C-alpha cells in the first residue's frame, strides 16, 4: 500500500473554483489581520473593543470565515494603526469570477 495522498482534484465548475479562491483570499487576509494584531500586542478582546465589534466576529475574520467589507477594512486598519494595504499585503489578485446572474426582463 502506498502512503501518498491522492492528487488534489481540480474544481469541477467555475463556481467551485471561485469559492476555493475566495476561501484562500479570506484565509490570507485573516493571517495578515492576526499578525498585525499580534505585532501591536493586542488580544482579540482588546482589538474588538477598539474597533467596536464582538470578539467572535474578529475571530471569524482571522480564521477566514467572514469577509470584511470596505468599511470594516478601514476600521480595522485604523484600530491597528496600519494602512489598509498592510492588511491586504501579499493577497493574490483573484482570477476566478463569480458567474453573473441574469435577470428576466432586463434591459
Protein backbone atom coordinates (compact mmCIF):
# COMPACT_ATOMS: atom_id res chain seq x y z
CA UNK A 1 0.00 0.00 0.00
CA UNK A 2 1.17 3.47 -0.85
CA UNK A 3 1.13 6.12 1.84
CA UNK A 4 0.98 9.01 -0.61
CA UNK A 5 -2.03 11.26 -0.81
CA UNK A 6 -4.10 11.22 -4.00
CA UNK A 7 -3.61 14.29 -6.14
CA UNK A 8 -5.90 17.20 -5.35
CA UNK A 9 -8.84 17.18 -7.68
CA UNK A 10 -9.42 20.12 -9.94
CA UNK A 11 -12.55 22.18 -9.33
CA UNK A 12 -15.45 20.84 -11.39
CA UNK A 13 -17.10 24.09 -12.28
CA UNK A 14 -16.41 27.84 -12.23
CA UNK A 15 -18.48 28.33 -9.09
CA UNK A 16 -16.38 25.78 -7.19
CA UNK A 17 -13.17 27.42 -8.44
CA UNK A 18 -14.48 30.83 -7.34
CA UNK A 19 -15.36 29.54 -3.87
CA UNK A 20 -11.95 27.86 -3.47
CA UNK A 21 -10.10 31.02 -4.46
CA UNK A 22 -12.30 33.17 -2.22
CA UNK A 23 -11.54 30.84 0.71
CA UNK A 24 -7.78 31.21 0.06
CA UNK A 25 -8.08 35.02 -0.05
CA UNK A 26 -10.08 35.17 3.18
CA UNK A 27 -7.59 32.87 4.93
CA UNK A 28 -4.66 35.03 3.78
CA UNK A 29 -6.44 38.20 4.93
CA UNK A 30 -7.11 36.56 8.30
CA UNK A 31 -3.43 35.70 8.69
CA UNK A 32 -2.48 39.31 7.93
CA UNK A 33 -5.04 40.60 10.42
CA UNK A 34 -3.83 38.26 13.17
CA UNK A 35 -0.17 39.14 12.51
CA UNK A 36 -0.93 42.89 12.65
CA UNK A 37 -2.88 42.43 15.89
CA UNK A 38 -0.08 40.39 17.47
CA UNK A 39 2.56 42.94 16.40
CA UNK A 40 0.57 45.51 18.43
CA UNK A 41 0.45 43.03 21.35
CA UNK A 42 -3.34 43.16 21.36
CA UNK A 43 -5.64 40.33 22.30
CA UNK A 44 -8.72 39.70 20.18
CA UNK A 45 -10.78 41.11 23.01
CA UNK A 46 -8.74 44.33 23.15
CA UNK A 47 -8.88 44.92 19.39
CA UNK A 48 -12.58 44.08 19.31
CA UNK A 49 -13.18 46.76 21.92
CA UNK A 50 -11.09 49.31 19.99
CA UNK A 51 -12.96 48.71 16.73
CA UNK A 52 -16.35 48.14 18.41
CA UNK A 53 -17.10 44.62 17.14
CA UNK A 54 -17.74 41.40 19.02
CA UNK A 55 -14.68 39.24 19.67
CA UNK A 56 -16.26 36.31 17.83
CA UNK A 57 -16.67 38.47 14.71
CA UNK A 58 -13.00 39.39 14.87
CA UNK A 59 -12.07 35.74 15.42
CA UNK A 60 -14.12 34.71 12.37
CA UNK A 61 -12.28 37.32 10.28
CA UNK A 62 -8.93 35.98 11.47
CA UNK A 63 -9.99 32.43 10.61
CA UNK A 64 -11.14 33.44 7.13
CA UNK A 65 -14.75 32.56 7.96
CA UNK A 66 -16.13 36.06 7.35
CA UNK A 67 -15.42 38.58 4.65
CA UNK A 68 -14.79 42.17 5.75
CA UNK A 69 -16.49 44.95 3.86
CA UNK A 70 -14.65 48.10 2.87
CA UNK A 71 -15.75 49.99 5.98
CA UNK A 72 -14.60 47.16 8.27
CA UNK A 73 -11.24 47.01 6.48
CA UNK A 74 -10.74 50.72 7.12
CA UNK A 75 -11.90 50.46 10.75
CA UNK A 76 -9.57 47.52 11.44
CA UNK A 77 -6.61 49.30 9.84
CA UNK A 78 -7.30 52.45 11.86
CA UNK A 79 -7.64 50.46 15.08
CA UNK A 80 -4.36 48.66 14.40
CA UNK A 81 -2.63 51.86 13.28
CA UNK A 82 -1.63 50.32 9.96
CA UNK A 83 -2.54 51.13 6.38
CA UNK A 84 -5.38 49.15 4.83
CA UNK A 85 -2.78 47.91 2.37
CA UNK A 86 -0.89 46.23 5.20
CA UNK A 87 -3.90 44.01 5.82
CA UNK A 88 -4.08 43.17 2.11
CA UNK A 89 -0.36 42.55 1.66
CA UNK A 90 0.58 39.52 -0.43
CA UNK A 91 -3.02 38.72 -1.34
CA UNK A 92 -3.17 37.48 -4.91
CA UNK A 93 -5.45 39.23 -7.34
CA UNK A 94 -8.44 36.94 -7.84
CA UNK A 95 -8.52 35.15 -11.17
CA UNK A 96 -11.85 33.42 -10.79
CA UNK A 97 -15.02 35.42 -11.11
CA UNK A 98 -18.46 34.65 -9.84
CA UNK A 99 -20.78 33.86 -12.71
CA UNK A 100 -23.09 36.79 -13.44
CA UNK A 101 -26.74 36.38 -12.68
CA UNK A 102 -29.16 37.33 -15.40
CA UNK A 103 -32.49 38.86 -14.57
CA UNK A 104 -35.56 38.14 -16.62
CA UNK A 105 -36.90 41.10 -18.49
CA UNK A 106 -33.62 43.03 -18.14
CA UNK A 107 -32.96 45.99 -20.35
